Amino acid sequence: MDNLELVNNMINEIDAMVFGNETSLDAIKRKSEMIIRNLHGKESKYLTDLKNINFVGYYSSTKEEEKRDWQSGKDQLRNLFITLRDEISLFSKESKDPNKRVTKNEANDSIFLVHGHDEKIKQSVARVIEKLGLKPVILHEQPNLGRTVIEKFTDYSKVGFAIVLLTPDDMGYSVNAGLETAKYRARQNVILELGYFLGTLGRERVIVLHSEADNFEIPSDYSGVLFLPFDSRGRWQLDFVKELRACGYNVDANKLI
């Protein structure tokens, strides 16, 4: 989903708002703020405009006055997103190609963290990302907002870099070779998401950190992808910083000390 489609969908959601549904109103406000932050940053004037929109008047005393003030807020919110839509249509430099890769000049501060069941490794890598002044995007920590898993993943995968954690969460073996050849392997959804980011970001913007566990199977058909062993001494961190710098990120390895 591109930015123009995202904003148009938001306008449709605003049109469908019903007076008196406070749960829906709260969700719309939160989603509006999230979209604006992602499109224009946390200092955007649009965020200030959003905060100034009121759905409840200070002097409303009758039901009709409450409905009038609520409709006024709805109209202001709709107009805000129409302005956003017009700005994207008129001035956006985004490619219309949905398969366009992120370039060096388009690097943002969000790093998508693909992970399996190893909570300790996930949290350790997330803290390193934060120390470098970047934002780890962990899918299950983001709000659902009524989206399916694939819709949510697509919305939050618009990042400049991805780290994929391969940990021994499953076991697998060739049917022909037999059970005695079984090896530990990463979750299948992790492998799927690895392939997704290789396709959308390019292999230069994807790092794979893998467990050093015994009898652990590492995918063999990803030539050119940087595979790094995750070790408790953190040697992988310097390689991570080096790859980020090569992709246009201004990060300081001294922050990791």
C-alpha atoms as a PDB file:
ATOM      1  CA  MET A   1       0.000   0.000   0.000  1.00  0.00           C
ATOM      2  CA  ASP A   2       1.543   3.332  -1.080  1.00  0.00           C
ATOM      3  CA  ASN A   3       1.117   6.622   0.788  1.00  0.00           C
ATOM      4  CA  LEU A   4      -1.651   7.908  -1.477  1.00  0.00           C
ATOM      5  CA  GLU A   5      -3.711   4.756  -1.001  1.00  0.00           C
ATOM      6  CA  LEU A   6      -3.067   4.869   2.744  1.00  0.00           C
ATOM      7  CA  VAL A   7      -4.417   8.430   3.006  1.00  0.00           C
ATOM      8  CA  ASN A   8      -7.407   7.665   0.775  1.00  0.00           C
ATOM      9  CA  ASN A   9      -8.302   4.714   2.983  1.00  0.00           C
ATOM     10  CA  MET A  10      -8.081   6.991   5.987  1.00  0.00           C
ATOM     11  CA  ILE A  11     -10.500   9.457   4.395  1.00  0.00           C
ATOM     12  CA  ASN A  12     -12.944   6.584   3.833  1.00  0.00           C
ATOM     13  CA  GLU A  13     -12.637   5.567   7.493  1.00  0.00           C
ATOM     14  CA  ILE A  14     -13.334   9.139   8.592  1.00  0.00           C
ATOM     15  CA  ASP A  15     -16.421   9.265   6.339  1.00  0.00           C
ATOM     16  CA  ALA A  16     -17.709   6.109   8.027  1.00  0.00           C
ATOM     17  CA  MET A  17     -17.402   7.545  11.555  1.00  0.00           C
ATOM     18  CA  VAL A  18     -20.643   7.513  13.543  1.00  0.00           C
ATOM     19  CA  PHE A  19     -21.554  10.016  16.241  1.00  0.00           C
ATOM     20  CA  GLY A  20     -21.361   8.609  19.739  1.00  0.00           C
ATOM     21  CA  ASN A  21     -18.917   5.773  19.019  1.00  0.00           C
ATOM     22  CA  GLU A  22     -16.070   6.816  21.319  1.00  0.00           C
ATOM     23  CA  THR A  23     -14.050   3.641  20.710  1.00  0.00           C
ATOM     24  CA  SER A  24     -14.017   4.246  16.969  1.00  0.00           C
ATOM     25  CA  LEU A  25     -13.144   7.916  17.476  1.00  0.00           C
ATOM     26  CA  ASP A  26     -10.189   7.054  19.703  1.00  0.00           C
ATOM     27  CA  ALA A  27      -8.908   4.523  17.147  1.00  0.00           C
ATOM     28  CA  ILE A  28      -9.229   7.069  14.325  1.00  0.00           C
ATOM     29  CA  LYS A  29      -7.289   9.683  16.308  1.00  0.00           C
ATOM     30  CA  ARG A  30      -4.486   7.254  17.113  1.00  0.00           C
ATOM     31  CA  LYS A  31      -4.264   6.002  13.555  1.00  0.00           C
ATOM     32  CA  SER A  32      -4.272   9.577  12.218  1.00  0.00           C
ATOM     33  CA  GLU A  33      -1.324  10.486  14.439  1.00  0.00           C
ATOM     34  CA  MET A  34       0.571   7.348  13.440  1.00  0.00           C
ATOM     35  CA  ILE A  35       0.102   8.017   9.724  1.00  0.00           C
ATOM     36  CA  ILE A  36       1.162  11.664   9.981  1.00  0.00           C
ATOM     37  CA  ARG A  37       4.235  10.778  12.056  1.00  0.00           C
ATOM     38  CA  ASN A  38       5.309   8.211   9.476  1.00  0.00           C
ATOM     39  CA  LEU A  39       4.676  10.525   6.528  1.00  0.00           C
ATOM     40  CA  HIS A  40       6.043  13.810   7.906  1.00  0.00           C
ATOM     41  CA  GLY A  41       7.872  13.129  11.176  1.00  0.00           C
ATOM     42  CA  LYS A  42       7.103  13.991  14.773  1.00  0.00           C
ATOM     43  CA  GLU A  43       7.607  17.752  14.240  1.00  0.00           C
ATOM     44  CA  SER A  44       5.048  18.007  11.452  1.00  0.00           C
ATOM     45  CA  LYS A  45       2.628  20.950  11.412  1.00  0.00           C
ATOM     46  CA  TYR A  46      -0.056  18.413  10.538  1.00  0.00           C
ATOM     47  CA  LEU A  47       0.361  16.900  14.004  1.00  0.00           C
ATOM     48  CA  THR A  48      -0.238  20.318  15.558  1.00  0.00           C
ATOM     49  CA  ASP A  49      -3.341  20.745  13.407  1.00  0.00           C
ATOM     50  CA  LEU A  50      -4.526  17.287  14.435  1.00  0.00           C
ATOM     51  CA  LYS A  51      -4.175  18.061  18.150  1.00  0.00           C
ATOM     52  CA  ASN A  52      -6.229  21.235  17.683  1.00  0.00           C
ATOM     53  CA  ILE A  53      -9.217  19.356  16.284  1.00  0.00           C
ATOM     54  CA  ASN A  54     -11.958  18.993  18.884  1.00  0.00           C
ATOM     55  CA  PHE A  55     -14.982  16.747  18.662  1.00  0.00           C
ATOM     56  CA  VAL A  56     -16.545  18.122  21.836  1.00  0.00           C
ATOM     57  CA  GLY A  57     -17.386  21.802  22.238  1.00  0.00           C
ATOM     58  CA  TYR A  58     -16.737  23.659  25.473  1.00  0.00           C
ATOM     59  CA  TYR A  59     -20.246  25.106  25.614  1.00  0.00           C
ATOM     60  CA  SER A  60     -22.325  22.231  24.210  1.00  0.00           C
ATOM     61  CA  SER A  61     -25.441  21.808  26.345  1.00  0.00           C
ATOM     62  CA  THR A  62     -27.902  19.953  24.097  1.00  0.00           C
ATOM     63  CA  LYS A  63     -27.650  16.785  22.012  1.00  0.00           C
ATOM     64  CA  GLU A  64     -27.995  18.812  18.834  1.00  0.00           C
ATOM     65  CA  GLU A  65     -25.089  21.056  19.840  1.00  0.00           C
ATOM     66  CA  GLU A  66     -22.990  17.986  20.662  1.00  0.00           C
ATOM     67  CA  LYS A  67     -23.738  16.526  17.217  1.00  0.00           C
ATOM     68  CA  ARG A  68     -22.879  19.856  15.579  1.00  0.00           C
ATOM     69  CA  ASP A  69     -19.510  20.093  17.363  1.00  0.00           C
ATOM     70  CA  TRP A  70     -18.743  16.431  16.631  1.00  0.00           C
ATOM     71  CA  GLN A  71     -19.525  16.925  12.918  1.00  0.00           C
ATOM     72  CA  SER A  72     -17.286  20.006  12.882  1.00  0.00           C
ATOM     73  CA  GLY A  73     -14.405  17.922  14.247  1.00  0.00           C
ATOM     74  CA  LYS A  74     -15.076  15.190  11.705  1.00  0.00           C
ATOM     75  CA  ASP A  75     -15.067  17.724   8.854  1.00  0.00           C
ATOM     76  CA  GLN A  76     -11.793  19.260  10.058  1.00  0.00           C
ATOM     77  CA  LEU A  77     -10.141  15.846  10.285  1.00  0.00           C
ATOM     78  CA  ARG A  78     -11.364  14.943   6.803  1.00  0.00           C
ATOM     79  CA  ASN A  79     -10.083  18.240   5.380  1.00  0.00           C
ATOM     80  CA  LEU A  80      -6.694  17.631   7.007  1.00  0.00           C
ATOM     81  CA  PHE A  81      -6.339  14.302   5.216  1.00  0.00           C
ATOM     82  CA  ILE A  82      -7.591  15.762   1.949  1.00  0.00           C
ATOM     83  CA  THR A  83      -4.778  18.313   2.218  1.00  0.00           C
ATOM     84  CA  LEU A  84      -2.351  15.466   2.896  1.00  0.00           C
ATOM     85  CA  ARG A  85      -3.657  13.630  -0.156  1.00  0.00           C
ATOM     86  CA  ASP A  86      -3.299  16.725  -2.346  1.00  0.00           C
ATOM     87  CA  GLU A  87       0.268  17.240  -1.150  1.00  0.00           C
ATOM     88  CA  ILE A  88       1.203  13.654  -1.984  1.00  0.00           C
ATOM     89  CA  SER A  89      -0.464  13.876  -5.408  1.00  0.00           C
ATOM     90  CA  LEU A  90       1.158  17.183  -6.313  1.00  0.00           C
ATOM     91  CA  PHE A  91       4.613  17.024  -4.795  1.00  0.00           C
ATOM     92  CA  SER A  92       5.519  13.436  -3.885  1.00  0.00           C
ATOM     93  CA  LYS A  93       8.668  12.136  -5.579  1.00  0.00           C
ATOM     94  CA  GLU A  94       7.800   8.527  -4.784  1.00  0.00           C
ATOM     95  CA  SER A  95       8.138   6.084  -7.634  1.00  0.00           C
ATOM     96  CA  LYS A  96       4.865   4.578  -8.799  1.00  0.00           C
ATOM     97  CA  ASP A  97       6.690   1.245  -9.087  1.00  0.00           C
ATOM     98  CA  PRO A  98       5.605  -0.850  -6.057  1.00  0.00           C
ATOM     99  CA  ASN A  99       8.781  -2.937  -6.391  1.00  0.00           C
ATOM    100  CA  LYS A 100      11.116   0.052  -6.070  1.00  0.00           C
ATOM    101  CA  ARG A 101      13.931  -0.531  -3.593  1.00  0.00           C
ATOM    102  CA  VAL A 102      14.938   1.937  -0.927  1.00  0.00           C
ATOM    103  CA  THR A 103      17.998   3.912  -2.036  1.00  0.00           C
ATOM    104  CA  LYS A 104      20.888   5.284   0.009  1.00  0.00           C
ATOM    105  CA  ASN A 105      19.285   8.723   0.165  1.00  0.00           C
ATOM    106  CA  GLU A 106      15.974   7.296   1.380  1.00  0.00           C
ATOM    107  CA  ALA A 107      17.309   5.609   4.518  1.00  0.00           C
ATOM    108  CA  ASN A 108      15.054   6.194   7.510  1.00  0.00           C
ATOM    109  CA  ASP A 109      15.604   5.524  11.191  1.00  0.00           C
ATOM    110  CA  SER A 110      13.433   2.393  11.378  1.00  0.00           C
ATOM    111  CA  ILE A 111      15.098  -1.032  11.382  1.00  0.00           C
ATOM    112  CA  PHE A 112      12.732  -3.979  10.966  1.00  0.00           C
ATOM    113  CA  LEU A 113      13.585  -6.828  13.326  1.00  0.00           C
ATOM    114  CA  VAL A 114      12.483 -10.239  12.055  1.00  0.00           C
ATOM    115  CA  HIS A 115      12.620 -12.795  14.849  1.00  0.00           C
ATOM    116  CA  GLY A 116      11.574 -16.220  16.026  1.00  0.00           C
ATOM    117  CA  HIS A 117      10.952 -17.459  19.562  1.00  0.00           C
ATOM    118  CA  ASP A 118      14.241 -16.485  21.200  1.00  0.00           C
ATOM    119  CA  GLU A 119      13.176 -13.509  23.331  1.00  0.00           C
ATOM    120  CA  LYS A 120      16.667 -12.934  24.775  1.00  0.00           C
ATOM    121  CA  ILE A 121      18.349 -12.464  21.385  1.00  0.00           C
ATOM    122  CA  LYS A 122      15.466 -10.315  20.128  1.00  0.00           C
ATOM    123  CA  GLN A 123      15.688  -7.936  23.072  1.00  0.00           C
ATOM    124  CA  SER A 124      19.499  -7.816  22.899  1.00  0.00           C
ATOM    125  CA  VAL A 125      19.469  -6.793  19.220  1.00  0.00           C
ATOM    126  CA  ALA A 126      16.644  -4.292  19.789  1.00  0.00           C
ATOM    127  CA  ARG A 127      18.674  -2.545  22.509  1.00  0.00           C
ATOM    128  CA  VAL A 128      21.689  -2.264  20.177  1.00  0.00           C
ATOM    129  CA  ILE A 129      19.504  -0.637  17.524  1.00  0.00           C
ATOM    130  CA  GLU A 130      18.219   1.861  20.091  1.00  0.00           C
ATOM    131  CA  LYS A 131      21.730   2.680  21.344  1.00  0.00           C
ATOM    132  CA  LEU A 132      22.613   3.721  17.791  1.00  0.00           C
ATOM    133  CA  GLY A 133      19.717   6.196  17.825  1.00  0.00           C
ATOM    134  CA  LEU A 134      17.532   4.096  15.524  1.00  0.00           C
ATOM    135  CA  LYS A 135      14.068   2.589  15.970  1.00  0.00           C
ATOM    136  CA  PRO A 136      13.597  -1.194  16.093  1.00  0.00           C
ATOM    137  CA  VAL A 137      10.325  -2.234  14.462  1.00  0.00           C
ATOM    138  CA  ILE A 138       9.024  -5.420  16.110  1.00  0.00           C
ATOM    139  CA  LEU A 139       5.759  -6.366  14.463  1.00  0.00           C
ATOM    140  CA  HIS A 140       3.850  -7.812  17.422  1.00  0.00           C
ATOM    141  CA  GLU A 141       4.567  -4.634  19.439  1.00  0.00           C
ATOM    142  CA  GLN A 142       2.750  -2.447  16.885  1.00  0.00           C
ATOM    143  CA  PRO A 143      -1.027  -1.732  17.085  1.00  0.00           C
ATOM    144  CA  ASN A 144      -3.284  -3.981  14.973  1.00  0.00           C
ATOM    145  CA  LEU A 145      -5.910  -1.327  14.115  1.00  0.00           C
ATOM    146  CA  GLY A 146      -8.169  -4.015  12.685  1.00  0.00           C
ATOM    147  CA  ARG A 147      -5.642  -5.155  10.080  1.00  0.00           C
ATOM    148  CA  THR A 148      -4.807  -8.723   9.102  1.00  0.00           C
ATOM    149  CA  VAL A 149      -1.268  -9.924   9.838  1.00  0.00           C
ATOM    150  CA  ILE A 150      -0.154  -9.487   6.213  1.00  0.00           C
ATOM    151  CA  GLU A 151      -1.671  -5.981   6.040  1.00  0.00           C
ATOM    152  CA  LYS A 152       0.064  -5.026   9.266  1.00  0.00           C
ATOM    153  CA  PHE A 153       3.375  -6.467   8.065  1.00  0.00           C
ATOM    154  CA  THR A 154       3.141  -4.609   4.756  1.00  0.00           C
ATOM    155  CA  ASP A 155       2.405  -1.299   6.501  1.00  0.00           C
ATOM    156  CA  TYR A 156       5.320  -1.576   8.926  1.00  0.00           C
ATOM    157  CA  SER A 157       7.851  -3.030   6.495  1.00  0.00           C
ATOM    158  CA  LYS A 158       8.515   0.329   4.809  1.00  0.00           C
ATOM    159  CA  VAL A 159      11.938   0.637   6.410  1.00  0.00           C
ATOM    160  CA  GLY A 160      15.472   1.305   5.231  1.00  0.00           C
ATOM    161  CA  PHE A 161      17.124  -1.758   6.739  1.00  0.00           C
ATOM    162  CA  ALA A 162      16.240  -5.168   8.200  1.00  0.00           C
ATOM    163  CA  ILE A 163      17.879  -7.575  10.636  1.00  0.00           C
ATOM    164  CA  VAL A 164      16.718 -11.179  10.461  1.00  0.00           C
ATOM    165  CA  LEU A 165      17.299 -13.447  13.470  1.00  0.00           C
ATOM    166  CA  LEU A 166      17.675 -17.141  12.708  1.00  0.00           C
ATOM    167  CA  THR A 167      17.260 -19.125  15.923  1.00  0.00           C
ATOM    168  CA  PRO A 168      16.677 -22.878  16.505  1.00  0.00           C
ATOM    169  CA  ASP A 169      12.902 -22.805  16.950  1.00  0.00           C
ATOM    170  CA  ASP A 170      11.848 -25.729  14.702  1.00  0.00           C
ATOM    171  CA  MET A 171      13.305 -29.023  13.463  1.00  0.00           C
ATOM    172  CA  GLY A 172      13.268 -30.328   9.906  1.00  0.00           C
ATOM    173  CA  TYR A 173      14.674 -33.046   7.695  1.00  0.00           C
ATOM    174  CA  SER A 174      14.425 -34.450   4.205  1.00  0.00           C
ATOM    175  CA  VAL A 175      11.795 -37.147   3.861  1.00  0.00           C
ATOM    176  CA  ASN A 176      14.223 -39.190   1.775  1.00  0.00           C
ATOM    177  CA  ALA A 177      17.052 -38.879   4.331  1.00  0.00           C
ATOM    178  CA  GLY A 178      14.978 -39.798   7.364  1.00  0.00           C
ATOM    179  CA  LEU A 179      14.356 -38.525  10.879  1.00  0.00           C
ATOM    180  CA  GLU A 180      17.916 -39.196  12.011  1.00  0.00           C
ATOM    181  CA  THR A 181      19.124 -36.305   9.810  1.00  0.00           C
ATOM    182  CA  ALA A 182      16.827 -33.768  11.495  1.00  0.00           C
ATOM    183  CA  LYS A 183      18.361 -30.384  12.264  1.00  0.00           C
ATOM    184  CA  TYR A 184      17.236 -27.299  14.117  1.00  0.00           C
ATOM    185  CA  ARG A 185      16.036 -24.500  11.853  1.00  0.00           C
ATOM    186  CA  ALA A 186      14.391 -21.088  11.971  1.00  0.00           C
ATOM    187  CA  ARG A 187      10.631 -20.596  11.845  1.00  0.00           C
ATOM    188  CA  GLN A 188       9.215 -20.691   8.329  1.00  0.00           C
ATOM    189  CA  ASN A 189       7.678 -17.219   8.674  1.00  0.00           C
ATOM    190  CA  VAL A 190      11.170 -15.873   9.453  1.00  0.00           C
ATOM    191  CA  ILE A 191      12.519 -17.376   6.206  1.00  0.00           C
ATOM    192  CA  LEU A 192       9.551 -15.948   4.302  1.00  0.00           C
ATOM    193  CA  GLU A 193      10.173 -12.461   5.700  1.00  0.00           C
ATOM    194  CA  LEU A 194      13.888 -12.783   4.923  1.00  0.00           C
ATOM    195  CA  GLY A 195      12.996 -13.367   1.284  1.00  0.00           C
ATOM    196  CA  TYR A 196      10.561 -10.436   1.335  1.00  0.00           C
ATOM    197  CA  PHE A 197      13.174  -7.965   2.536  1.00  0.00           C
ATOM    198  CA  LEU A 198      15.804  -9.281   0.124  1.00  0.00           C
ATOM    199  CA  GLY A 199      13.342  -8.495  -2.653  1.00  0.00           C
ATOM    200  CA  THR A 200      12.196  -5.075  -1.428  1.00  0.00           C
ATOM    201  CA  LEU A 201      15.372  -3.675   0.152  1.00  0.00           C
ATOM    202  CA  GLY A 202      18.117  -5.558  -1.655  1.00  0.00           C
ATOM    203  CA  ARG A 203      20.664  -7.850  -0.026  1.00  0.00           C
ATOM    204  CA  GLU A 204      22.922  -4.908   0.887  1.00  0.00           C
ATOM    205  CA  ARG A 205      20.258  -3.719   3.345  1.00  0.00           C
ATOM    206  CA  VAL A 206      19.621  -7.038   5.066  1.00  0.00           C
ATOM    207  CA  ILE A 207      21.749  -8.658   7.767  1.00  0.00           C
ATOM    208  CA  VAL A 208      21.115 -12.182   9.015  1.00  0.00           C
ATOM    209  CA  LEU A 209      22.158 -12.985  12.571  1.00  0.00           C
ATOM    210  CA  HIS A 210      22.168 -16.699  13.261  1.00  0.00           C
ATOM    211  CA  SER A 211      22.464 -18.746  16.417  1.00  0.00           C
ATOM    212  CA  GLU A 212      25.679 -20.663  17.074  1.00  0.00           C
ATOM    213  CA  ALA A 213      23.685 -23.632  18.396  1.00  0.00           C
ATOM    214  CA  ASP A 214      24.852 -27.131  17.492  1.00  0.00           C
ATOM    215  CA  ASN A 215      23.114 -28.948  14.651  1.00  0.00           C
ATOM    216  CA  PHE A 216      21.553 -25.710  13.376  1.00  0.00           C
ATOM    217  CA  GLU A 217      20.663 -25.470   9.682  1.00  0.00           C
ATOM    218  CA  ILE A 218      21.411 -22.174   7.912  1.00  0.00           C
ATOM    219  CA  PRO A 219      19.704 -21.573   4.528  1.00  0.00           C
ATOM    220  CA  SER A 220      22.144 -22.214   1.705  1.00  0.00           C
ATOM    221  CA  ASP A 221      20.440 -20.492  -1.235  1.00  0.00           C
ATOM    222  CA  TYR A 222      21.009 -16.847  -0.285  1.00  0.00           C
ATOM    223  CA  SER A 223      24.293 -16.070  -2.006  1.00  0.00           C
ATOM    224  CA  GLY A 224      25.610 -12.590  -1.222  1.00  0.00           C
ATOM    225  CA  VAL A 225      23.592 -12.141   1.976  1.00  0.00           C
ATOM    226  CA  LEU A 226      25.639 -11.177   5.032  1.00  0.00           C
ATOM    227  CA  PHE A 227      25.306 -13.952   7.621  1.00  0.00           C
ATOM    228  CA  LEU A 228      26.782 -13.156  11.034  1.00  0.00           C
ATOM    229  CA  PRO A 229      26.936 -15.448  14.070  1.00  0.00           C
ATOM    230  CA  PHE A 230      25.241 -13.970  17.112  1.00  0.00           C
ATOM    231  CA  ASP A 231      27.754 -14.132  19.956  1.00  0.00           C
ATOM    232  CA  SER A 232      27.534 -12.871  23.522  1.00  0.00           C
ATOM    233  CA  ARG A 233      30.677 -10.730  23.060  1.00  0.00           C
ATOM    234  CA  GLY A 234      28.905  -8.671  20.439  1.00  0.00           C
ATOM    235  CA  ARG A 235      31.430  -8.890  17.613  1.00  0.00           C
ATOM    236  CA  TRP A 236      28.538  -8.696  15.141  1.00  0.00           C
ATOM    237  CA  GLN A 237      27.728  -5.166  16.293  1.00  0.00           C
ATOM    238  CA  LEU A 238      30.716  -3.569  14.551  1.00  0.00           C
ATOM    239  CA  ASP A 239      29.834  -5.312  11.276  1.00  0.00           C
ATOM    240  CA  PHE A 240      26.290  -4.045  11.697  1.00  0.00           C
ATOM    241  CA  VAL A 241      27.524  -0.461  12.124  1.00  0.00           C
ATOM    242  CA  LYS A 242      29.767  -0.816   9.062  1.00  0.00           C
ATOM    243  CA  GLU A 243      26.860  -1.991   6.894  1.00  0.00           C
ATOM    244  CA  LEU A 244      24.600   0.803   8.169  1.00  0.00           C
ATOM    245  CA  ARG A 245      27.204   3.423   7.289  1.00  0.00           C
ATOM    246  CA  ALA A 246      27.579   1.976   3.813  1.00  0.00           C
ATOM    247  CA  CYS A 247      23.827   2.405   3.362  1.00  0.00           C
ATOM    248  CA  GLY A 248      23.840   6.078   4.347  1.00  0.00           C
ATOM    249  CA  TYR A 249      23.157   5.925   8.088  1.00  0.00           C
ATOM    250  CA  ASN A 250      25.058   8.325  10.324  1.00  0.00           C
ATOM    251  CA  VAL A 251      25.722   6.032  13.277  1.00  0.00           C
ATOM    252  CA  ASP A 252      28.492   6.070  15.875  1.00  0.00           C
ATOM    253  CA  ALA A 253      29.961   2.778  17.095  1.00  0.00           C
ATOM    254  CA  ASN A 254      31.120   4.519  20.291  1.00  0.00           C
ATOM    255  CA  LYS A 255      27.486   4.536  21.451  1.00  0.00           C
ATOM    256  CA  LEU A 256      27.689   0.769  21.818  1.00  0.00           C
ATOM    257  CA  ILE A 257      30.305   0.973  24.559  1.00  0.00           C
END
